[in-house]
Amino acid sequence: ADVTDATATISYCGSGVTACHNLLVMEHLG
C-alpha cells in the first residue's frame, strides 16, 4: 500500500479501535 514510514501516516478504522493495531505493528517493525 506504499506505506513505508509511519510518521507520514494517519491510521483510522470504523471507530478508532483496530486502527491502533496498525499503529502498534508499524512501530514494532521500526
Full PDB file with SEQRES, HELIX, SHEET, SSBOND, CRYST1, ORIGX, SCALE, CONECT and MASTER records, all heavy atoms in Angstrom:
SEQRES   1 A   30  ALA ASP VAL THR ASP ALA THR ALA THR ILE SER TYR CYS          
SEQRES   2 A   30  GLY SER GLY VAL THR ALA CYS HIS ASN LEU LEU VAL MET          
SEQRES   3 A   30  GLU HIS LEU GLY                                              
HELIX    1 AA1 ALA A    6  ALA A    8  5                                   3    
HELIX    2 AA2 ALA A   19  HIS A   28  1                                  10    
CRYST1    1.000    1.000    1.000  90.00  90.00  90.00 P 1           1          
ORIGX1      1.000000  0.000000  0.000000        0.00000                         
ORIGX2      0.000000  1.000000  0.000000        0.00000                         
ORIGX3      0.000000  0.000000  1.000000        0.00000                         
SCALE1      1.000000  0.000000  0.000000        0.00000                         
SCALE2      0.000000  1.000000  0.000000        0.00000                         
SCALE3      0.000000  0.000000  1.000000        0.00000                         
ATOM      1  N   ALA A   1       0.827  -1.213   0.000  1.00  0.00           N  
ATOM      2  CA  ALA A   1       0.000   0.000   0.000  1.00  0.00           C  
ATOM      3  C   ALA A   1       0.860   1.262   0.000  1.00  0.00           C  
ATOM      4  O   ALA A   1       0.353   2.364   0.246  1.00  0.00           O  
ATOM      5  CB  ALA A   1      -0.918  -0.005   1.215  1.00  0.00           C  
ATOM      6  N   ASP A   2       2.164   1.085  -0.273  1.00  0.00           N  
ATOM      7  CA  ASP A   2       3.123   2.195  -0.316  1.00  0.00           C  
ATOM      8  C   ASP A   2       3.340   2.833   1.050  1.00  0.00           C  
ATOM      9  O   ASP A   2       3.765   3.994   1.144  1.00  0.00           O  
ATOM     10  CB  ASP A   2       2.692   3.274  -1.322  1.00  0.00           C  
ATOM     11  CG  ASP A   2       2.729   2.778  -2.756  1.00  0.00           C  
ATOM     12  OD1 ASP A   2       3.627   1.972  -3.079  1.00  0.00           O  
ATOM     13  OD2 ASP A   2       1.864   3.185  -3.546  1.00  0.00           O  
ATOM     14  N   VAL A   3       3.043   2.100   2.120  1.00  0.00           N  
ATOM     15  CA  VAL A   3       3.275   2.601   3.475  1.00  0.00           C  
ATOM     16  C   VAL A   3       4.659   2.138   3.918  1.00  0.00           C  
ATOM     17  O   VAL A   3       4.881   0.949   4.153  1.00  0.00           O  
ATOM     18  CB  VAL A   3       2.207   2.088   4.455  1.00  0.00           C  
ATOM     19  CG1 VAL A   3       2.485   2.606   5.861  1.00  0.00           C  
ATOM     20  CG2 VAL A   3       0.822   2.500   3.991  1.00  0.00           C  
ATOM     21  N   THR A   4       5.586   3.067   4.027  1.00  0.00           N  
ATOM     22  CA  THR A   4       6.952   2.741   4.431  1.00  0.00           C  
ATOM     23  C   THR A   4       7.404   3.528   5.649  1.00  0.00           C  
ATOM     24  O   THR A   4       8.404   3.169   6.275  1.00  0.00           O  
ATOM     25  CB  THR A   4       7.942   3.014   3.278  1.00  0.00           C  
ATOM     26  OG1 THR A   4       7.868   4.406   2.914  1.00  0.00           O  
ATOM     27  CG2 THR A   4       7.610   2.153   2.065  1.00  0.00           C  
ATOM     28  N   ASP A   5       6.687   4.587   5.984  1.00  0.00           N  
ATOM     29  CA  ASP A   5       7.099   5.467   7.077  1.00  0.00           C  
ATOM     30  C   ASP A   5       5.865   5.841   7.885  1.00  0.00           C  
ATOM     31  O   ASP A   5       5.014   6.600   7.429  1.00  0.00           O  
ATOM     32  CB  ASP A   5       7.771   6.721   6.503  1.00  0.00           C  
ATOM     33  CG  ASP A   5       8.194   7.720   7.569  1.00  0.00           C  
ATOM     34  OD1 ASP A   5       8.066   7.408   8.769  1.00  0.00           O  
ATOM     35  OD2 ASP A   5       8.654   8.812   7.200  1.00  0.00           O  
ATOM     36  N   ALA A   6       5.764   5.289   9.100  1.00  0.00           N  
ATOM     37  CA  ALA A   6       4.578   5.545   9.913  1.00  0.00           C  
ATOM     38  C   ALA A   6       4.435   7.014  10.279  1.00  0.00           C  
ATOM     39  O   ALA A   6       3.314   7.500  10.470  1.00  0.00           O  
ATOM     40  CB  ALA A   6       4.627   4.704  11.189  1.00  0.00           C  
ATOM     41  N   THR A   7       5.535   7.736  10.370  1.00  0.00           N  
ATOM     42  CA  THR A   7       5.454   9.146  10.747  1.00  0.00           C  
ATOM     43  C   THR A   7       4.747   9.976   9.691  1.00  0.00           C  
ATOM     44  O   THR A   7       4.363  11.118   9.958  1.00  0.00           O  
ATOM     45  CB  THR A   7       6.848   9.728  11.024  1.00  0.00           C  
ATOM     46  OG1 THR A   7       7.615   9.742   9.808  1.00  0.00           O  
ATOM     47  CG2 THR A   7       7.588   8.905  12.068  1.00  0.00           C  
ATOM     48  N   ALA A   8       4.561   9.402   8.503  1.00  0.00           N  
ATOM     49  CA  ALA A   8       3.844  10.088   7.431  1.00  0.00           C  
ATOM     50  C   ALA A   8       2.487   9.439   7.190  1.00  0.00           C  
ATOM     51  O   ALA A   8       1.978   9.435   6.064  1.00  0.00           O  
ATOM     52  CB  ALA A   8       4.671  10.075   6.145  1.00  0.00           C  
ATOM     53  N   THR A   9       1.903   8.857   8.256  1.00  0.00           N  
ATOM     54  CA  THR A   9       0.602   8.209   8.115  1.00  0.00           C  
ATOM     55  C   THR A   9      -0.371   8.674   9.190  1.00  0.00           C  
ATOM     56  O   THR A   9       0.019   9.071  10.287  1.00  0.00           O  
ATOM     57  CB  THR A   9       0.707   6.671   8.219  1.00  0.00           C  
ATOM     58  OG1 THR A   9       1.072   6.307   9.555  1.00  0.00           O  
ATOM     59  CG2 THR A   9       1.716   6.114   7.238  1.00  0.00           C  
ATOM     60  N   ILE A  10      -1.641   8.601   8.837  1.00  0.00           N  
ATOM     61  CA  ILE A  10      -2.747   8.684   9.797  1.00  0.00           C  
ATOM     62  C   ILE A  10      -3.511   7.379   9.688  1.00  0.00           C  
ATOM     63  O   ILE A  10      -3.857   6.940   8.593  1.00  0.00           O  
ATOM     64  CB  ILE A  10      -3.679   9.872   9.490  1.00  0.00           C  
ATOM     65  CG1 ILE A  10      -2.970  11.203   9.752  1.00  0.00           C  
ATOM     66  CG2 ILE A  10      -4.963   9.783  10.320  1.00  0.00           C  
ATOM     67  CD1 ILE A  10      -3.781  12.415   9.323  1.00  0.00           C  
ATOM     68  N   SER A  11      -3.754   6.732  10.824  1.00  0.00           N  
ATOM     69  CA  SER A  11      -4.441   5.445  10.849  1.00  0.00           C  
ATOM     70  C   SER A  11      -5.878   5.627  11.312  1.00  0.00           C  
ATOM     71  O   SER A  11      -6.147   6.337  12.282  1.00  0.00           O  
ATOM     72  CB  SER A  11      -3.694   4.487  11.790  1.00  0.00           C  
ATOM     73  OG  SER A  11      -4.309   3.213  11.817  1.00  0.00           O  
ATOM     74  N   TYR A  12      -6.803   4.963  10.623  1.00  0.00           N  
ATOM     75  CA  TYR A  12      -8.195   5.004  11.053  1.00  0.00           C  
ATOM     76  C   TYR A  12      -8.846   3.659  10.775  1.00  0.00           C  
ATOM     77  O   TYR A  12      -8.297   2.798  10.074  1.00  0.00           O  
ATOM     78  CB  TYR A  12      -8.963   6.139  10.377  1.00  0.00           C  
ATOM     79  CG  TYR A  12      -9.492   5.843   8.983  1.00  0.00           C  
ATOM     80  CD1 TYR A  12     -10.810   5.438   8.778  1.00  0.00           C  
ATOM     81  CD2 TYR A  12      -8.672   5.980   7.856  1.00  0.00           C  
ATOM     82  CE1 TYR A  12     -11.299   5.177   7.502  1.00  0.00           C  
ATOM     83  CE2 TYR A  12      -9.153   5.719   6.582  1.00  0.00           C  
ATOM     84  CZ  TYR A  12     -10.461   5.315   6.399  1.00  0.00           C  
ATOM     85  OH  TYR A  12     -10.946   5.049   5.141  1.00  0.00           O  
ATOM     86  N   CYS A  13     -10.027   3.472  11.335  1.00  0.00           N  
ATOM     87  CA  CYS A  13     -10.823   2.271  11.087  1.00  0.00           C  
ATOM     88  C   CYS A  13     -12.286   2.684  11.201  1.00  0.00           C  
ATOM     89  O   CYS A  13     -12.628   3.807  10.844  1.00  0.00           O  
ATOM     90  CB  CYS A  13     -10.451   1.155  12.065  1.00  0.00           C  
ATOM     91  SG  CYS A  13     -10.631   1.621  13.804  1.00  0.00           S  
ATOM     92  N   GLY A  14     -13.140   1.822  11.713  1.00  0.00           N  
ATOM     93  CA  GLY A  14     -14.535   2.207  11.869  1.00  0.00           C  
ATOM     94  C   GLY A  14     -14.739   3.221  12.974  1.00  0.00           C  
ATOM     95  O   GLY A  14     -15.482   4.186  12.814  1.00  0.00           O  
ATOM     96  N   SER A  15     -14.063   2.995  14.113  1.00  0.00           N  
ATOM     97  CA  SER A  15     -14.287   3.889  15.254  1.00  0.00           C  
ATOM     98  C   SER A  15     -13.050   4.070  16.126  1.00  0.00           C  
ATOM     99  O   SER A  15     -13.171   4.386  17.308  1.00  0.00           O  
ATOM    100  CB  SER A  15     -15.440   3.350  16.109  1.00  0.00           C  
ATOM    101  OG  SER A  15     -15.112   2.079  16.646  1.00  0.00           O  
ATOM    102  N   GLY A  16     -11.864   3.871  15.560  1.00  0.00           N  
ATOM    103  CA  GLY A  16     -10.648   4.187  16.299  1.00  0.00           C  
ATOM    104  C   GLY A  16     -10.136   3.098  17.216  1.00  0.00           C  
ATOM    105  O   GLY A  16      -9.301   3.363  18.075  1.00  0.00           O  
ATOM    106  N   VAL A  17     -10.603   1.863  17.056  1.00  0.00           N  
ATOM    107  CA  VAL A  17     -10.132   0.757  17.892  1.00  0.00           C  
ATOM    108  C   VAL A  17      -9.067  -0.048  17.152  1.00  0.00           C  
ATOM    109  O   VAL A  17      -7.894  -0.053  17.520  1.00  0.00           O  
ATOM    110  CB  VAL A  17     -11.311  -0.143  18.346  1.00  0.00           C  
ATOM    111  CG1 VAL A  17     -10.790  -1.351  19.127  1.00  0.00           C  
ATOM    112  CG2 VAL A  17     -12.276   0.656  19.219  1.00  0.00           C  
ATOM    113  N   THR A  18      -9.459  -0.730  16.072  1.00  0.00           N  
ATOM    114  CA  THR A  18      -8.492  -1.585  15.380  1.00  0.00           C  
ATOM    115  C   THR A  18      -7.416  -0.779  14.660  1.00  0.00           C  
ATOM    116  O   THR A  18      -6.343  -1.318  14.352  1.00  0.00           O  
ATOM    117  CB  THR A  18      -9.193  -2.528  14.386  1.00  0.00           C  
ATOM    118  OG1 THR A  18      -9.833  -1.766  13.355  1.00  0.00           O  
ATOM    119  CG2 THR A  18     -10.221  -3.390  15.094  1.00  0.00           C  
ATOM    120  N   ALA A  19      -7.672   0.497  14.400  1.00  0.00           N  
ATOM    121  CA  ALA A  19      -6.632   1.348  13.806  1.00  0.00           C  
ATOM    122  C   ALA A  19      -5.392   1.395  14.687  1.00  0.00           C  
ATOM    123  O   ALA A  19      -4.276   1.582  14.196  1.00  0.00           O  
ATOM    124  CB  ALA A  19      -7.166   2.759  13.584  1.00  0.00           C  
ATOM    125  N   CYS A  20      -5.588   1.228  15.994  1.00  0.00           N  
ATOM    126  CA  CYS A  20      -4.450   1.240  16.918  1.00  0.00           C  
ATOM    127  C   CYS A  20      -3.525   0.058  16.669  1.00  0.00           C  
ATOM    128  O   CYS A  20      -2.312   0.142  16.904  1.00  0.00           O  
ATOM    129  CB  CYS A  20      -4.945   1.212  18.355  1.00  0.00           C  
ATOM    130  SG  CYS A  20      -5.878   2.677  18.846  1.00  0.00           S  
ATOM    131  N   HIS A  21      -4.092  -1.047  16.197  1.00  0.00           N  
ATOM    132  CA  HIS A  21      -3.259  -2.227  15.947  1.00  0.00           C  
ATOM    133  C   HIS A  21      -2.260  -1.946  14.834  1.00  0.00           C  
ATOM    134  O   HIS A  21      -1.074  -2.282  14.949  1.00  0.00           O  
ATOM    135  CB  HIS A  21      -4.136  -3.427  15.589  1.00  0.00           C  
ATOM    136  CG  HIS A  21      -3.412  -4.737  15.604  1.00  0.00           C  
ATOM    137  ND1 HIS A  21      -2.852  -5.293  14.480  1.00  0.00           N  
ATOM    138  CD2 HIS A  21      -3.136  -5.595  16.621  1.00  0.00           C  
ATOM    139  CE1 HIS A  21      -2.282  -6.445  14.790  1.00  0.00           C  
ATOM    140  NE2 HIS A  21      -2.438  -6.645  16.088  1.00  0.00           N  
ATOM    141  N   ASN A  22      -2.727  -1.332  13.745  1.00  0.00           N  
ATOM    142  CA  ASN A  22      -1.793  -0.988  12.675  1.00  0.00           C  
ATOM    143  C   ASN A  22      -0.697  -0.043  13.167  1.00  0.00           C  
ATOM    144  O   ASN A  22       0.462  -0.152  12.777  1.00  0.00           O  
ATOM    145  CB  ASN A  22      -2.536  -0.357  11.496  1.00  0.00           C  
ATOM    146  CG  ASN A  22      -2.949  -1.377  10.447  1.00  0.00           C  
ATOM    147  OD1 ASN A  22      -2.586  -2.549  10.510  1.00  0.00           O  
ATOM    148  ND2 ASN A  22      -3.709  -0.929   9.459  1.00  0.00           N  
ATOM    149  N   LEU A  23      -1.063   0.902  14.023  1.00  0.00           N  
ATOM    150  CA  LEU A  23      -0.057   1.825  14.557  1.00  0.00           C  
ATOM    151  C   LEU A  23       0.989   1.086  15.373  1.00  0.00           C  
ATOM    152  O   LEU A  23       2.197   1.350  15.252  1.00  0.00           O  
ATOM    153  CB  LEU A  23      -0.735   2.896  15.410  1.00  0.00           C  
ATOM    154  CG  LEU A  23      -1.560   3.931  14.652  1.00  0.00           C  
ATOM    155  CD1 LEU A  23      -2.384   4.772  15.615  1.00  0.00           C  
ATOM    156  CD2 LEU A  23      -0.665   4.830  13.801  1.00  0.00           C  
ATOM    157  N   LEU A  24       0.551   0.139  16.199  1.00  0.00           N  
ATOM    158  CA  LEU A  24       1.499  -0.628  17.010  1.00  0.00           C  
ATOM    159  C   LEU A  24       2.362  -1.539  16.150  1.00  0.00           C  
ATOM    160  O   LEU A  24       3.562  -1.703  16.411  1.00  0.00           O  
ATOM    161  CB  LEU A  24       0.748  -1.447  18.061  1.00  0.00           C  
ATOM    162  CG  LEU A  24      -0.002  -0.657  19.120  1.00  0.00           C  
ATOM    163  CD1 LEU A  24      -0.744  -1.612  20.057  1.00  0.00           C  
ATOM    164  CD2 LEU A  24       0.917   0.248  19.912  1.00  0.00           C  
ATOM    165  N   VAL A  25       1.768  -2.136  15.126  1.00  0.00           N  
ATOM    166  CA  VAL A  25       2.540  -3.005  14.239  1.00  0.00           C  
ATOM    167  C   VAL A  25       3.617  -2.202  13.515  1.00  0.00           C  
ATOM    168  O   VAL A  25       4.776  -2.630  13.418  1.00  0.00           O  
ATOM    169  CB  VAL A  25       1.617  -3.719  13.232  1.00  0.00           C  
ATOM    170  CG1 VAL A  25       2.444  -4.423  12.152  1.00  0.00           C  
ATOM    171  CG2 VAL A  25       0.734  -4.735  13.946  1.00  0.00           C  
ATOM    172  N   MET A  26       3.267  -1.030  13.001  1.00  0.00           N  
ATOM    173  CA  MET A  26       4.264  -0.212  12.313  1.00  0.00           C  
ATOM    174  C   MET A  26       5.394   0.183  13.258  1.00  0.00           C  
ATOM    175  O   MET A  26       6.573   0.145  12.880  1.00  0.00           O  
ATOM    176  CB  MET A  26       3.599   1.024  11.703  1.00  0.00           C  
ATOM    177  CG  MET A  26       2.744   0.718  10.493  1.00  0.00           C  
ATOM    178  SD  MET A  26       2.168   2.207   9.605  1.00  0.00           S  
ATOM    179  CE  MET A  26       0.897   2.797  10.736  1.00  0.00           C  
ATOM    180  N   GLU A  27       5.054   0.534  14.474  1.00  0.00           N  
ATOM    181  CA  GLU A  27       6.098   0.870  15.444  1.00  0.00           C  
ATOM    182  C   GLU A  27       6.970  -0.346  15.732  1.00  0.00           C  
ATOM    183  O   GLU A  27       8.194  -0.248  15.820  1.00  0.00           O  
ATOM    184  CB  GLU A  27       5.462   1.392  16.728  1.00  0.00           C  
ATOM    185  CG  GLU A  27       6.489   1.853  17.754  1.00  0.00           C  
ATOM    186  CD  GLU A  27       5.870   2.332  19.048  1.00  0.00           C  
ATOM    187  OE1 GLU A  27       4.623   2.423  19.137  1.00  0.00           O  
ATOM    188  OE2 GLU A  27       6.641   2.613  19.986  1.00  0.00           O  
ATOM    189  N   HIS A  28       6.353  -1.508  15.876  1.00  0.00           N  
ATOM    190  CA  HIS A  28       7.064  -2.760  16.141  1.00  0.00           C  
ATOM    191  C   HIS A  28       8.051  -3.081  15.018  1.00  0.00           C  
ATOM    192  O   HIS A  28       9.141  -3.617  15.260  1.00  0.00           O  
ATOM    193  CB  HIS A  28       6.046  -3.886  16.290  1.00  0.00           C  
ATOM    194  CG  HIS A  28       6.626  -5.211  16.630  1.00  0.00           C  
ATOM    195  ND1 HIS A  28       7.213  -5.489  17.839  1.00  0.00           N  
ATOM    196  CD2 HIS A  28       6.685  -6.371  15.911  1.00  0.00           C  
ATOM    197  CE1 HIS A  28       7.628  -6.745  17.868  1.00  0.00           C  
ATOM    198  NE2 HIS A  28       7.313  -7.302  16.702  1.00  0.00           N  
ATOM    199  N   LEU A  29       7.674  -2.739  13.789  1.00  0.00           N  
ATOM    200  CA  LEU A  29       8.532  -3.004  12.632  1.00  0.00           C  
ATOM    201  C   LEU A  29       9.622  -1.961  12.452  1.00  0.00           C  
ATOM    202  O   LEU A  29      10.418  -2.060  11.515  1.00  0.00           O  
ATOM    203  CB  LEU A  29       7.679  -3.060  11.364  1.00  0.00           C  
ATOM    204  CG  LEU A  29       6.690  -4.223  11.248  1.00  0.00           C  
ATOM    205  CD1 LEU A  29       5.808  -4.045  10.030  1.00  0.00           C  
ATOM    206  CD2 LEU A  29       7.422  -5.556  11.202  1.00  0.00           C  
ATOM    207  N   GLY A  30       9.671  -0.973  13.330  1.00  0.00           N  
ATOM    208  CA  GLY A  30      10.693   0.068  13.221  1.00  0.00           C  
ATOM    209  C   GLY A  30      10.359   1.146  12.218  1.00  0.00           C  
ATOM    210  O   GLY A  30      11.246   1.882  11.771  1.00  0.00           O  
TER     211      GLY A  30                                                      
MASTER        0    0    0    2    0    0    0    6  210    1    0    3          
END                                                                             
